[in-house]
C-alpha atoms as a PDB file:
ATOM      1  CA  UNK A   1     195.285  94.306 135.549  1.00  0.00           C
ATOM      2  CA  UNK A   2     191.833  94.392 133.815  1.00  0.00           C
ATOM      3  CA  UNK A   3     190.927  97.097 130.810  1.00  0.00           C
ATOM      4  CA  UNK A   4     187.481  97.155 132.792  1.00  0.00           C
ATOM      5  CA  UNK A   5     188.879  98.515 136.099  1.00  0.00           C
ATOM      6  CA  UNK A   6     189.931 101.863 133.899  1.00  0.00           C
ATOM      7  CA  UNK A   7     186.143 102.249 132.498  1.00  0.00           C
ATOM      8  CA  UNK A   8     183.588 105.222 133.778  1.00  0.00           C
ATOM      9  CA  UNK A   9     180.324 106.503 132.598  1.00  0.00           C
ATOM     10  CA  UNK A  10     180.108 109.849 130.770  1.00  0.00           C
ATOM     11  CA  UNK A  11     177.251 111.543 129.716  1.00  0.00           C
ATOM     12  CA  UNK A  12     177.261 112.245 125.982  1.00  0.00           C
ATOM     13  CA  UNK A  13     176.417 115.849 126.557  1.00  0.00           C
ATOM     14  CA  UNK A  14     179.847 116.524 128.556  1.00  0.00           C
ATOM     15  CA  UNK A  15     181.651 115.374 125.235  1.00  0.00           C
ATOM     16  CA  UNK A  16     183.435 119.044 124.039  1.00  0.00           C
ATOM     17  CA  UNK A  17     182.720 119.869 120.493  1.00  0.00           C
ATOM     18  CA  UNK A  18     184.413 123.085 120.384  1.00  0.00           C
ATOM     19  CA  UNK A  19     187.783 124.540 122.037  1.00  0.00           C
ATOM     20  CA  UNK A  20     186.955 127.252 124.861  1.00  0.00           C
ATOM     21  CA  UNK A  21     187.470 130.533 123.431  1.00  0.00           C
ATOM     22  CA  UNK A  22     189.664 132.215 124.331  1.00  0.00           C
ATOM     23  CA  UNK A  23     191.958 128.924 125.051  1.00  0.00           C
ATOM     24  CA  UNK A  24     193.072 129.701 128.332  1.00  0.00           C
ATOM     25  CA  UNK A  25     189.726 130.105 129.554  1.00  0.00           C
ATOM     26  CA  UNK A  26     188.897 126.470 129.735  1.00  0.00           C
ATOM     27  CA  UNK A  27     188.458 125.124 133.382  1.00  0.00           C
ATOM     28  CA  UNK A  28     191.486 123.605 135.243  1.00  0.00           C
ATOM     29  CA  UNK A  29     190.903 120.556 138.039  1.00  0.00           C
ATOM     30  CA  UNK A  30     194.216 120.725 139.936  1.00  0.00           C
ATOM     31  CA  UNK A  31     195.196 117.816 141.489  1.00  0.00           C
ATOM     32  CA  UNK A  32     197.554 117.436 144.317  1.00  0.00           C
ATOM     33  CA  UNK A  33     198.524 113.608 143.880  1.00  0.00           C
ATOM     34  CA  UNK A  34     200.153 113.460 147.412  1.00  0.00           C
ATOM     35  CA  UNK A  35     197.197 114.513 149.744  1.00  0.00           C
ATOM     36  CA  UNK A  36     194.015 113.893 146.798  1.00  0.00           C
ATOM     37  CA  UNK A  37     193.089 117.370 147.189  1.00  0.00           C
ATOM     38  CA  UNK A  38     191.186 119.168 144.188  1.00  0.00           C
ATOM     39  CA  UNK A  39     190.941 122.472 143.195  1.00  0.00           C
ATOM     40  CA  UNK A  40     188.537 124.098 140.869  1.00  0.00           C
ATOM     41  CA  UNK A  41     190.319 126.939 138.656  1.00  0.00           C
ATOM     42  CA  UNK A  42     190.540 128.637 135.320  1.00  0.00           C
ATOM     43  CA  UNK A  43     193.711 127.422 133.069  1.00  0.00           C
ATOM     44  CA  UNK A  44     194.547 131.197 132.867  1.00  0.00           C
ATOM     45  CA  UNK A  45     195.436 130.407 136.531  1.00  0.00           C
ATOM     46  CA  UNK A  46     197.948 127.993 135.778  1.00  0.00           C
ATOM     47  CA  UNK A  47     200.791 130.566 137.022  1.00  0.00           C
ATOM     48  CA  UNK A  48     199.642 130.149 140.421  1.00  0.00           C
ATOM     49  CA  UNK A  49     200.725 126.527 140.795  1.00  0.00           C
ATOM     50  CA  UNK A  50     204.122 127.338 139.113  1.00  0.00           C
ATOM     51  CA  UNK A  51     207.387 128.471 140.397  1.00  0.00           C
ATOM     52  CA  UNK A  52     210.076 130.243 139.089  1.00  0.00           C
ATOM     53  CA  UNK A  53     212.879 127.666 137.946  1.00  0.00           C
ATOM     54  CA  UNK A  54     209.985 125.083 136.895  1.00  0.00           C
ATOM     55  CA  UNK A  55     210.287 123.295 133.386  1.00  0.00           C
ATOM     56  CA  UNK A  56     206.996 123.046 131.182  1.00  0.00           C
ATOM     57  CA  UNK A  57     207.881 120.536 128.489  1.00  0.00           C
ATOM     58  CA  UNK A  58     205.716 120.778 125.352  1.00  0.00           C
ATOM     59  CA  UNK A  59     205.126 118.398 122.196  1.00  0.00           C
ATOM     60  CA  UNK A  60     205.834 120.628 119.291  1.00  0.00           C
ATOM     61  CA  UNK A  61     204.276 118.153 116.905  1.00  0.00           C
ATOM     62  CA  UNK A  62     202.021 119.585 113.957  1.00  0.00           C
ATOM     63  CA  UNK A  63     198.843 117.879 112.524  1.00  0.00           C
ATOM     64  CA  UNK A  64     198.448 117.699 109.137  1.00  0.00           C
ATOM     65  CA  UNK A  65     195.491 116.580 106.721  1.00  0.00           C
ATOM     66  CA  UNK A  66     196.125 112.868 107.063  1.00  0.00           C
ATOM     67  CA  UNK A  67     192.709 112.031 105.977  1.00  0.00           C
ATOM     68  CA  UNK A  68     191.940 111.596 102.224  1.00  0.00           C
ATOM     69  CA  UNK A  69     188.849 110.046 100.159  1.00  0.00           C
ATOM     70  CA  UNK A  70     189.255 108.015  97.154  1.00  0.00           C
ATOM     71  CA  UNK A  71     187.360 108.681  93.910  1.00  0.00           C
ATOM     72  CA  UNK A  72     185.051 105.727  95.038  1.00  0.00           C
ATOM     73  CA  UNK A  73     184.558 106.703  98.388  1.00  0.00           C
ATOM     74  CA  UNK A  74     187.121 105.103 100.475  1.00  0.00           C
ATOM     75  CA  UNK A  75     188.572 106.773 103.564  1.00  0.00           C
ATOM     76  CA  UNK A  76     192.720 106.275 103.534  1.00  0.00           C
ATOM     77  CA  UNK A  77     194.011 107.498 106.790  1.00  0.00           C
ATOM     78  CA  UNK A  78     197.717 107.945 106.554  1.00  0.00           C
ATOM     79  CA  UNK A  79     199.817 107.041 109.463  1.00  0.00           C
ATOM     80  CA  UNK A  80     203.491 107.653 108.563  1.00  0.00           C
ATOM     81  CA  UNK A  81     205.948 107.439 105.977  1.00  0.00           C
ATOM     82  CA  UNK A  82     207.835 103.717 105.884  1.00  0.00           C
ATOM     83  CA  UNK A  83     210.632 104.446 103.439  1.00  0.00           C
ATOM     84  CA  UNK A  84     209.462 105.080 100.202  1.00  0.00           C
ATOM     85  CA  UNK A  85     205.834 104.188 100.943  1.00  0.00           C
ATOM     86  CA  UNK A  86     203.302 105.058 103.574  1.00  0.00           C
ATOM     87  CA  UNK A  87     201.602 103.230 106.330  1.00  0.00           C
ATOM     88  CA  UNK A  88     197.984 103.666 106.257  1.00  0.00           C
ATOM     89  CA  UNK A  89     194.667 102.338 107.448  1.00  0.00           C
ATOM     90  CA  UNK A  90     191.556 102.159 105.171  1.00  0.00           C
ATOM     91  CA  UNK A  91     187.435 102.481 105.744  1.00  0.00           C
ATOM     92  CA  UNK A  92     186.112 100.190 104.550  1.00  0.00           C
ATOM     93  CA  UNK A  93     189.553  98.394 104.144  1.00  0.00           C
ATOM     94  CA  UNK A  94     188.069  94.547 103.492  1.00  0.00           C
ATOM     95  CA  UNK A  95     188.174  94.794  99.726  1.00  0.00           C
ATOM     96  CA  UNK A  96     191.723  96.282  99.581  1.00  0.00           C
ATOM     97  CA  UNK A  97     194.571  93.609  98.790  1.00  0.00           C
ATOM     98  CA  UNK A  98     197.979  93.899  97.404  1.00  0.00           C
ATOM     99  CA  UNK A  99     197.981  95.112  93.795  1.00  0.00           C
ATOM    100  CA  UNK A 100     194.715  97.264  94.316  1.00  0.00           C
ATOM    101  CA  UNK A 101     195.188 100.676  92.660  1.00  0.00           C
ATOM    102  CA  UNK A 102     193.694 103.448  94.541  1.00  0.00           C
ATOM    103  CA  UNK A 103     192.699 106.518  92.626  1.00  0.00           C
ATOM    104  CA  UNK A 104     191.740 110.350  93.835  1.00  0.00           C
ATOM    105  CA  UNK A 105     189.528 112.832  92.464  1.00  0.00           C
ATOM    106  CA  UNK A 106     192.373 114.854  91.405  1.00  0.00           C
ATOM    107  CA  UNK A 107     193.931 111.902  89.575  1.00  0.00           C
ATOM    108  CA  UNK A 108     196.612 110.809  91.817  1.00  0.00           C
ATOM    109  CA  UNK A 109     196.874 107.101  92.439  1.00  0.00           C
ATOM    110  CA  UNK A 110     198.555 104.834  94.559  1.00  0.00           C
ATOM    111  CA  UNK A 111     198.880 101.102  94.731  1.00  0.00           C
ATOM    112  CA  UNK A 112     198.205  98.797  98.065  1.00  0.00           C
ATOM    113  CA  UNK A 113     201.438  96.778  98.609  1.00  0.00           C
ATOM    114  CA  UNK A 114     201.428  95.047 101.704  1.00  0.00           C
ATOM    115  CA  UNK A 115     197.918  94.436 104.056  1.00  0.00           C
ATOM    116  CA  UNK A 116     199.173  93.571 107.723  1.00  0.00           C
ATOM    117  CA  UNK A 117     197.289  91.420 109.970  1.00  0.00           C
ATOM    118  CA  UNK A 118     196.538  94.450 112.491  1.00  0.00           C
ATOM    119  CA  UNK A 119     194.698  96.136 109.411  1.00  0.00           C
ATOM    120  CA  UNK A 120     197.289  98.414 108.646  1.00  0.00           C
ATOM    121  CA  UNK A 121     198.531  98.647 105.123  1.00  0.00           C
ATOM    122  CA  UNK A 122     201.279  99.979 103.039  1.00  0.00           C
ATOM    123  CA  UNK A 123     200.869 102.151 100.316  1.00  0.00           C
ATOM    124  CA  UNK A 124     202.905 103.357  97.269  1.00  0.00           C
ATOM    125  CA  UNK A 125     202.164 106.847  96.466  1.00  0.00           C
ATOM    126  CA  UNK A 126     205.366 107.189  94.037  1.00  0.00           C
ATOM    127  CA  UNK A 127     205.987 110.591  95.579  1.00  0.00           C
ATOM    128  CA  UNK A 128     208.307 111.850  98.334  1.00  0.00           C
ATOM    129  CA  UNK A 129     207.304 112.565 101.884  1.00  0.00           C
ATOM    130  CA  UNK A 130     207.649 116.346 101.078  1.00  0.00           C
ATOM    131  CA  UNK A 131     205.270 116.127  98.010  1.00  0.00           C
ATOM    132  CA  UNK A 132     202.495 113.720 100.097  1.00  0.00           C
ATOM    133  CA  UNK A 133     202.605 116.736 103.106  1.00  0.00           C
ATOM    134  CA  UNK A 134     202.116 119.497 100.038  1.00  0.00           C
ATOM    135  CA  UNK A 135     199.496 117.101  98.494  1.00  0.00           C
ATOM    136  CA  UNK A 136     197.400 116.457 101.474  1.00  0.00           C
ATOM    137  CA  UNK A 137     197.395 120.270 102.524  1.00  0.00           C
ATOM    138  CA  UNK A 138     195.609 120.942  99.389  1.00  0.00           C
ATOM    139  CA  UNK A 139     193.026 117.643  99.191  1.00  0.00           C
ATOM    140  CA  UNK A 140     193.149 116.370 102.507  1.00  0.00           C
ATOM    141  CA  UNK A 141     190.564 116.717 105.600  1.00  0.00           C
ATOM    142  CA  UNK A 142     191.920 117.533 109.254  1.00  0.00           C
ATOM    143  CA  UNK A 143     191.526 114.332 111.134  1.00  0.00           C
ATOM    144  CA  UNK A 144     189.555 115.288 114.032  1.00  0.00           C
ATOM    145  CA  UNK A 145     188.260 112.389 115.975  1.00  0.00           C
ATOM    146  CA  UNK A 146     185.179 110.541 115.823  1.00  0.00           C
ATOM    147  CA  UNK A 147     183.173 111.846 118.844  1.00  0.00           C
ATOM    148  CA  UNK A 148     183.222 115.131 117.205  1.00  0.00           C
ATOM    149  CA  UNK A 149     179.716 115.653 115.834  1.00  0.00           C
ATOM    150  CA  UNK A 150     179.019 115.579 111.535  1.00  0.00           C
ATOM    151  CA  UNK A 151     177.971 118.985 111.604  1.00  0.00           C
ATOM    152  CA  UNK A 152     181.528 120.105 112.955  1.00  0.00           C
ATOM    153  CA  UNK A 153     183.212 118.074 110.703  1.00  0.00           C
ATOM    154  CA  UNK A 154     181.798 119.624 107.527  1.00  0.00           C
ATOM    155  CA  UNK A 155     182.521 123.155 108.724  1.00  0.00           C
ATOM    156  CA  UNK A 156     184.990 125.551 107.468  1.00  0.00           C
ATOM    157  CA  UNK A 157     188.004 123.785 106.980  1.00  0.00           C
ATOM    158  CA  UNK A 158     190.215 126.732 107.617  1.00  0.00           C
ATOM    159  CA  UNK A 159     188.690 127.206 111.096  1.00  0.00           C
ATOM    160  CA  UNK A 160     188.568 123.723 111.832  1.00  0.00           C
ATOM    161  CA  UNK A 161     192.508 122.899 110.917  1.00  0.00           C
ATOM    162  CA  UNK A 162     193.260 126.037 113.299  1.00  0.00           C
ATOM    163  CA  UNK A 163     191.281 124.895 116.010  1.00  0.00           C
ATOM    164  CA  UNK A 164     192.635 121.198 115.959  1.00  0.00           C
ATOM    165  CA  UNK A 165     196.091 122.550 116.466  1.00  0.00           C
ATOM    166  CA  UNK A 166     198.365 123.989 119.361  1.00  0.00           C
ATOM    167  CA  UNK A 167     199.567 127.640 118.859  1.00  0.00           C
ATOM    168  CA  UNK A 168     203.152 126.317 119.129  1.00  0.00           C
ATOM    169  CA  UNK A 169     202.793 123.264 116.566  1.00  0.00           C
ATOM    170  CA  UNK A 170     205.848 123.106 114.476  1.00  0.00           C
ATOM    171  CA  UNK A 171     207.037 120.055 113.162  1.00  0.00           C
ATOM    172  CA  UNK A 172     204.176 118.220 110.738  1.00  0.00           C
ATOM    173  CA  UNK A 173     203.819 114.491 111.176  1.00  0.00           C
ATOM    174  CA  UNK A 174     200.794 113.995 113.894  1.00  0.00           C
ATOM    175  CA  UNK A 175     197.515 112.484 112.637  1.00  0.00           C
ATOM    176  CA  UNK A 176     196.068 113.444 115.944  1.00  0.00           C
ATOM    177  CA  UNK A 177     196.862 116.609 118.066  1.00  0.00           C
ATOM    178  CA  UNK A 178     198.830 116.851 121.654  1.00  0.00           C
ATOM    179  CA  UNK A 179     195.410 118.037 123.019  1.00  0.00           C
ATOM    180  CA  UNK A 180     196.570 119.177 126.136  1.00  0.00           C
ATOM    181  CA  UNK A 181     198.463 121.850 124.621  1.00  0.00           C
ATOM    182  CA  UNK A 182     195.148 123.150 123.223  1.00  0.00           C
ATOM    183  CA  UNK A 183     194.812 125.326 126.685  1.00  0.00           C
ATOM    184  CA  UNK A 184     197.708 127.573 125.782  1.00  0.00           C
ATOM    185  CA  UNK A 185     197.710 130.748 124.225  1.00  0.00           C
ATOM    186  CA  UNK A 186     200.957 132.565 123.241  1.00  0.00           C
ATOM    187  CA  UNK A 187     199.705 135.477 125.659  1.00  0.00           C
ATOM    188  CA  UNK A 188     199.736 132.806 128.352  1.00  0.00           C
ATOM    189  CA  UNK A 189     203.181 131.400 127.603  1.00  0.00           C
ATOM    190  CA  UNK A 190     204.934 135.011 127.498  1.00  0.00           C
ATOM    191  CA  UNK A 191     203.280 135.321 131.170  1.00  0.00           C
ATOM    192  CA  UNK A 192     204.653 132.371 132.414  1.00  0.00           C
ATOM    193  CA  UNK A 193     208.181 133.218 130.979  1.00  0.00           C
ATOM    194  CA  UNK A 194     208.103 136.547 132.538  1.00  0.00           C
ATOM    195  CA  UNK A 195     207.666 134.642 135.763  1.00  0.00           C
ATOM    196  CA  UNK A 196     210.257 132.829 135.371  1.00  0.00           C
ATOM    197  CA  UNK A 197     208.996 129.399 134.450  1.00  0.00           C
ATOM    198  CA  UNK A 198     211.103 127.766 131.734  1.00  0.00           C
ATOM    199  CA  UNK A 199     209.965 126.063 128.506  1.00  0.00           C
ATOM    200  CA  UNK A 200     211.673 122.965 126.670  1.00  0.00           C
ATOM    201  CA  UNK A 201     210.330 120.921 123.499  1.00  0.00           C
ATOM    202  CA  UNK A 202     210.012 117.495 122.383  1.00  0.00           C
ATOM    203  CA  UNK A 203     208.237 115.715 119.307  1.00  0.00           C
ATOM    204  CA  UNK A 204     206.486 112.861 119.189  1.00  0.00           C
ATOM    205  CA  UNK A 205     204.154 112.210 116.134  1.00  0.00           C
ATOM    206  CA  UNK A 206     201.059 110.918 117.460  1.00  0.00           C
ATOM    207  CA  UNK A 207     199.593 107.706 115.576  1.00  0.00           C
ATOM    208  CA  UNK A 208     198.201 104.580 116.140  1.00  0.00           C
ATOM    209  CA  UNK A 209     199.698 103.878 119.094  1.00  0.00           C
ATOM    210  CA  UNK A 210     198.020 107.002 120.989  1.00  0.00           C
ATOM    211  CA  UNK A 211     194.453 106.765 119.986  1.00  0.00           C
ATOM    212  CA  UNK A 212     193.696 102.713 119.098  1.00  0.00           C
ATOM    213  CA  UNK A 213     191.587 101.367 121.725  1.00  0.00           C
ATOM    214  CA  UNK A 214     192.293  98.475 123.832  1.00  0.00           C
ATOM    215  CA  UNK A 215     190.834  95.044 122.697  1.00  0.00           C
ATOM    216  CA  UNK A 216     192.334  92.754 125.448  1.00  0.00           C
ATOM    217  CA  UNK A 217     190.796  91.933 128.492  1.00  0.00           C
ATOM    218  CA  UNK A 218     194.316  92.727 130.481  1.00  0.00           C
ATOM    219  CA  UNK A 219     196.134  95.751 129.751  1.00  0.00           C
ATOM    220  CA  UNK A 220     199.118  93.980 129.778  1.00  0.00           C
ATOM    221  CA  UNK A 221     198.466  92.288 126.597  1.00  0.00           C
ATOM    222  CA  UNK A 222     197.991  95.242 124.790  1.00  0.00           C
ATOM    223  CA  UNK A 223     200.731  96.088 122.369  1.00  0.00           C
ATOM    224  CA  UNK A 224     201.277 100.029 121.348  1.00  0.00           C
ATOM    225  CA  UNK A 225     201.999 100.967 117.937  1.00  0.00           C
ATOM    226  CA  UNK A 226     205.161 102.511 117.470  1.00  0.00           C
ATOM    227  CA  UNK A 227     205.397 106.446 117.174  1.00  0.00           C
ATOM    228  CA  UNK A 228     208.222 108.716 116.133  1.00  0.00           C
ATOM    229  CA  UNK A 229     209.851 110.755 118.754  1.00  0.00           C
ATOM    230  CA  UNK A 230     212.640 113.263 119.007  1.00  0.00           C
ATOM    231  CA  UNK A 231     213.809 114.366 122.580  1.00  0.00           C
ATOM    232  CA  UNK A 232     216.884 116.999 122.078  1.00  0.00           C
ATOM    233  CA  UNK A 233     219.683 117.024 123.719  1.00  0.00           C
ATOM    234  CA  UNK A 234     218.963 120.195 125.363  1.00  0.00           C
ATOM    235  CA  UNK A 235     215.518 119.147 126.317  1.00  0.00           C
ATOM    236  CA  UNK A 236     217.438 116.407 128.281  1.00  0.00           C
ATOM    237  CA  UNK A 237     220.077 119.090 129.963  1.00  0.00           C
ATOM    238  CA  UNK A 238     217.195 121.411 131.004  1.00  0.00           C
ATOM    239  CA  UNK A 239     215.654 118.658 132.895  1.00  0.00           C
ATOM    240  CA  UNK A 240     218.870 117.897 134.445  1.00  0.00           C
ATOM    241  CA  UNK A 241     219.319 121.681 135.219  1.00  0.00           C
ATOM    242  CA  UNK A 242     215.908 122.070 136.488  1.00  0.00           C
ATOM    243  CA  UNK A 243     215.897 119.044 138.914  1.00  0.00           C
ATOM    244  CA  UNK A 244     219.544 120.226 139.939  1.00  0.00           C
ATOM    245  CA  UNK A 245     218.300 123.686 140.954  1.00  0.00           C
ATOM    246  CA  UNK A 246     215.062 122.198 142.850  1.00  0.00           C
ATOM    247  CA  UNK A 247     212.684 123.187 140.155  1.00  0.00           C
ATOM    248  CA  UNK A 248     209.931 120.680 138.829  1.00  0.00           C
ATOM    249  CA  UNK A 249     209.552 119.439 135.638  1.00  0.00           C
ATOM    250  CA  UNK A 250     206.067 119.302 134.328  1.00  0.00           C
ATOM    251  CA  UNK A 251     204.974 117.441 131.106  1.00  0.00           C
ATOM    252  CA  UNK A 252     202.272 119.160 128.851  1.00  0.00           C
ATOM    253  CA  UNK A 253     200.577 116.091 127.791  1.00  0.00           C
ATOM    254  CA  UNK A 254     200.637 112.109 127.813  1.00  0.00           C
ATOM    255  CA  UNK A 255     202.600 112.119 124.327  1.00  0.00           C
ATOM    256  CA  UNK A 256     205.284 114.476 126.148  1.00  0.00           C
ATOM    257  CA  UNK A 257     205.355 111.980 129.132  1.00  0.00           C
ATOM    258  CA  UNK A 258     205.927 108.819 126.614  1.00  0.00           C
ATOM    259  CA  UNK A 259     208.432 110.669 125.034  1.00  0.00           C
ATOM    260  CA  UNK A 260     210.480 111.714 127.821  1.00  0.00           C
ATOM    261  CA  UNK A 261     210.114 108.508 129.325  1.00  0.00           C
ATOM    262  CA  UNK A 262     211.487 106.537 126.561  1.00  0.00           C
ATOM    263  CA  UNK A 263     215.093 105.289 126.480  1.00  0.00           C
ATOM    264  CA  UNK A 264     216.180 106.915 123.353  1.00  0.00           C
ATOM    265  CA  UNK A 265     216.306 110.455 122.245  1.00  0.00           C
ATOM    266  CA  UNK A 266     215.328 110.041 118.411  1.00  0.00           C
ATOM    267  CA  UNK A 267     213.600 107.013 116.709  1.00  0.00           C
ATOM    268  CA  UNK A 268     210.163 105.058 117.192  1.00  0.00           C
ATOM    269  CA  UNK A 269     208.803 104.549 120.505  1.00  0.00           C
ATOM    270  CA  UNK A 270     206.148 101.763 121.639  1.00  0.00           C
ATOM    271  CA  UNK A 271     206.384 102.534 125.246  1.00  0.00           C
ATOM    272  CA  UNK A 272     203.210 101.692 127.512  1.00  0.00           C
ATOM    273  CA  UNK A 273     203.051 103.285 130.813  1.00  0.00           C
ATOM    274  CA  UNK A 274     200.586 101.223 133.280  1.00  0.00           C
ATOM    275  CA  UNK A 275     200.090 101.251 137.008  1.00  0.00           C
ATOM    276  CA  UNK A 276     203.578 100.203 138.631  1.00  0.00           C
ATOM    277  CA  UNK A 277     205.457 102.241 136.580  1.00  0.00           C
ATOM    278  CA  UNK A 278     208.197 104.190 138.211  1.00  0.00           C
ATOM    279  CA  UNK A 279     208.369 107.496 136.224  1.00  0.00           C
ATOM    280  CA  UNK A 280     212.051 108.898 135.736  1.00  0.00           C
ATOM    281  CA  UNK A 281     211.712 112.291 134.110  1.00  0.00           C
ATOM    282  CA  UNK A 282     208.535 114.261 135.393  1.00  0.00           C
ATOM    283  CA  UNK A 283     207.435 115.770 138.523  1.00  0.00           C
ATOM    284  CA  UNK A 284     203.725 116.656 137.174  1.00  0.00           C
ATOM    285  CA  UNK A 285     201.400 116.702 134.374  1.00  0.00           C
ATOM    286  CA  UNK A 286     198.978 118.829 132.611  1.00  0.00           C
ATOM    287  CA  UNK A 287     196.405 116.898 130.555  1.00  0.00           C
ATOM    288  CA  UNK A 288     192.848 116.372 129.360  1.00  0.00           C
ATOM    289  CA  UNK A 289     189.956 114.333 130.387  1.00  0.00           C
ATOM    290  CA  UNK A 290     190.845 110.826 128.842  1.00  0.00           C
ATOM    291  CA  UNK A 291     188.532 107.961 126.940  1.00  0.00           C
ATOM    292  CA  UNK A 292     187.030 105.060 129.220  1.00  0.00           C
ATOM    293  CA  UNK A 293     189.628 102.442 129.457  1.00  0.00           C
ATOM    294  CA  UNK A 294     192.222 104.002 127.038  1.00  0.00           C
ATOM    295  CA  UNK A 295     195.929 103.930 127.274  1.00  0.00           C
ATOM    296  CA  UNK A 296     195.934 107.472 128.018  1.00  0.00           C
ATOM    297  CA  UNK A 297     193.818 106.998 130.978  1.00  0.00           C
ATOM    298  CA  UNK A 298     195.769 104.191 132.015  1.00  0.00           C
ATOM    299  CA  UNK A 299     199.161 106.300 131.965  1.00  0.00           C
ATOM    300  CA  UNK A 300     197.592 109.302 134.056  1.00  0.00           C
ATOM    301  CA  UNK A 301     196.446 106.780 136.545  1.00  0.00           C
ATOM    302  CA  UNK A 302     200.033 105.187 136.631  1.00  0.00           C
ATOM    303  CA  UNK A 303     201.122 108.646 137.706  1.00  0.00           C
ATOM    304  CA  UNK A 304     198.502 109.439 140.108  1.00  0.00           C
ATOM    305  CA  UNK A 305     196.841 106.428 141.315  1.00  0.00           C
ATOM    306  CA  UNK A 306     193.621 104.959 139.313  1.00  0.00           C
ATOM    307  CA  UNK A 307     191.410 105.630 142.541  1.00  0.00           C
ATOM    308  CA  UNK A 308     192.370 109.167 142.645  1.00  0.00           C
ATOM    309  CA  UNK A 309     191.884 109.437 139.420  1.00  0.00           C
ATOM    310  CA  UNK A 310     188.331 107.933 138.900  1.00  0.00           C
ATOM    311  CA  UNK A 311     187.682 109.949 142.175  1.00  0.00           C
ATOM    312  CA  UNK A 312     188.622 113.254 140.269  1.00  0.00           C
ATOM    313  CA  UNK A 313     186.719 112.131 136.877  1.00  0.00           C
ATOM    314  CA  UNK A 314     183.839 111.696 138.940  1.00  0.00           C
ATOM    315  CA  UNK A 315     183.927 114.942 140.582  1.00  0.00           C
ATOM    316  CA  UNK A 316     184.678 116.291 137.031  1.00  0.00           C
ATOM    317  CA  UNK A 317     181.533 114.676 135.804  1.00  0.00           C
ATOM    318  CA  UNK A 318     179.484 116.143 138.718  1.00  0.00           C
ATOM    319  CA  UNK A 319     180.466 119.773 137.876  1.00  0.00           C
ATOM    320  CA  UNK A 320     179.848 119.481 134.036  1.00  0.00           C
ATOM    321  CA  UNK A 321     183.685 119.641 133.001  1.00  0.00           C
ATOM    322  CA  UNK A 322     184.004 119.483 129.150  1.00  0.00           C
ATOM    323  CA  UNK A 323     185.671 115.925 128.228  1.00  0.00           C
ATOM    324  CA  UNK A 324     187.888 114.754 125.325  1.00  0.00           C
ATOM    325  CA  UNK A 325     190.053 116.678 122.920  1.00  0.00           C
ATOM    326  CA  UNK A 326     188.279 119.995 122.986  1.00  0.00           C
ATOM    327  CA  UNK A 327     187.721 119.678 126.744  1.00  0.00           C
ATOM    328  CA  UNK A 328     189.076 120.917 129.780  1.00  0.00           C
ATOM    329  CA  UNK A 329     192.330 120.507 131.520  1.00  0.00           C
ATOM    330  CA  UNK A 330     193.623 118.723 134.741  1.00  0.00           C
ATOM    331  CA  UNK A 331     197.106 119.717 136.504  1.00  0.00           C
ATOM    332  CA  UNK A 332     198.406 116.770 138.414  1.00  0.00           C
ATOM    333  CA  UNK A 333     201.399 117.878 140.693  1.00  0.00           C
END
């Protein structure tokens, strides 16, 4: 299939710059993927569409301050640890070659070890992973997406770090948030539990695999970067038990889907879900409105059908829904 088959026009003013307040007041477009029917609700209405015994699966990854600036103004974007070193991308990165020493304003240094053909770089900080997380927490910046305006990027760091995180985040390792989870509040989660809805968790640390644009004309030519996942056996068991008792498994976010649909429980996955894929683990999906021609839009199209998804997006645009990370949500059942 052509990448251009998953394109659409979005008016720039519909790109959300801040989350809804409170979070569960965001709009919710409910799609019946069998009939194509659409309903317009609020996220706090989610319980109307869930039954006792249904299972919501969350991605408990936590965003860390992965964006660093060197003393001479080079942006170093940490992706993930690779043994004793780190995989990063740099902007501008053209002049960085193996042996280049990076210096940061607090005196920390790092050396470029390897530069890959895809633009990623292996860097040695001579610190443990724990020490790097502690260091970036002090001097790093929240890696919010480029479509968030510059004024928002320079606002109070503490507020931004809170906004760009789910309320249930636990395990540091993501350079981008699993944004479908932004709409949940602790109060909504407790309300759903009292209704009899069950919860389970996975971890997928979001990296290049999720947010790197597709550059090939055909989606089949796109290769996903690996991302680390952990799917506990308790979650696999909860899915089995839910199905055995007639409940539905609903993934919160495309990253949760990719973790559940991977054939491993723990390790790296580069699964790319596209139309024609046969889903094994989920019956429903909570997701945001995604960028044109993105792997995320392709995944939801695989689940609900490309034509139905693009029709829903067109209606959301007509009704002034907010798009992307801080935007509104869809429930596909």
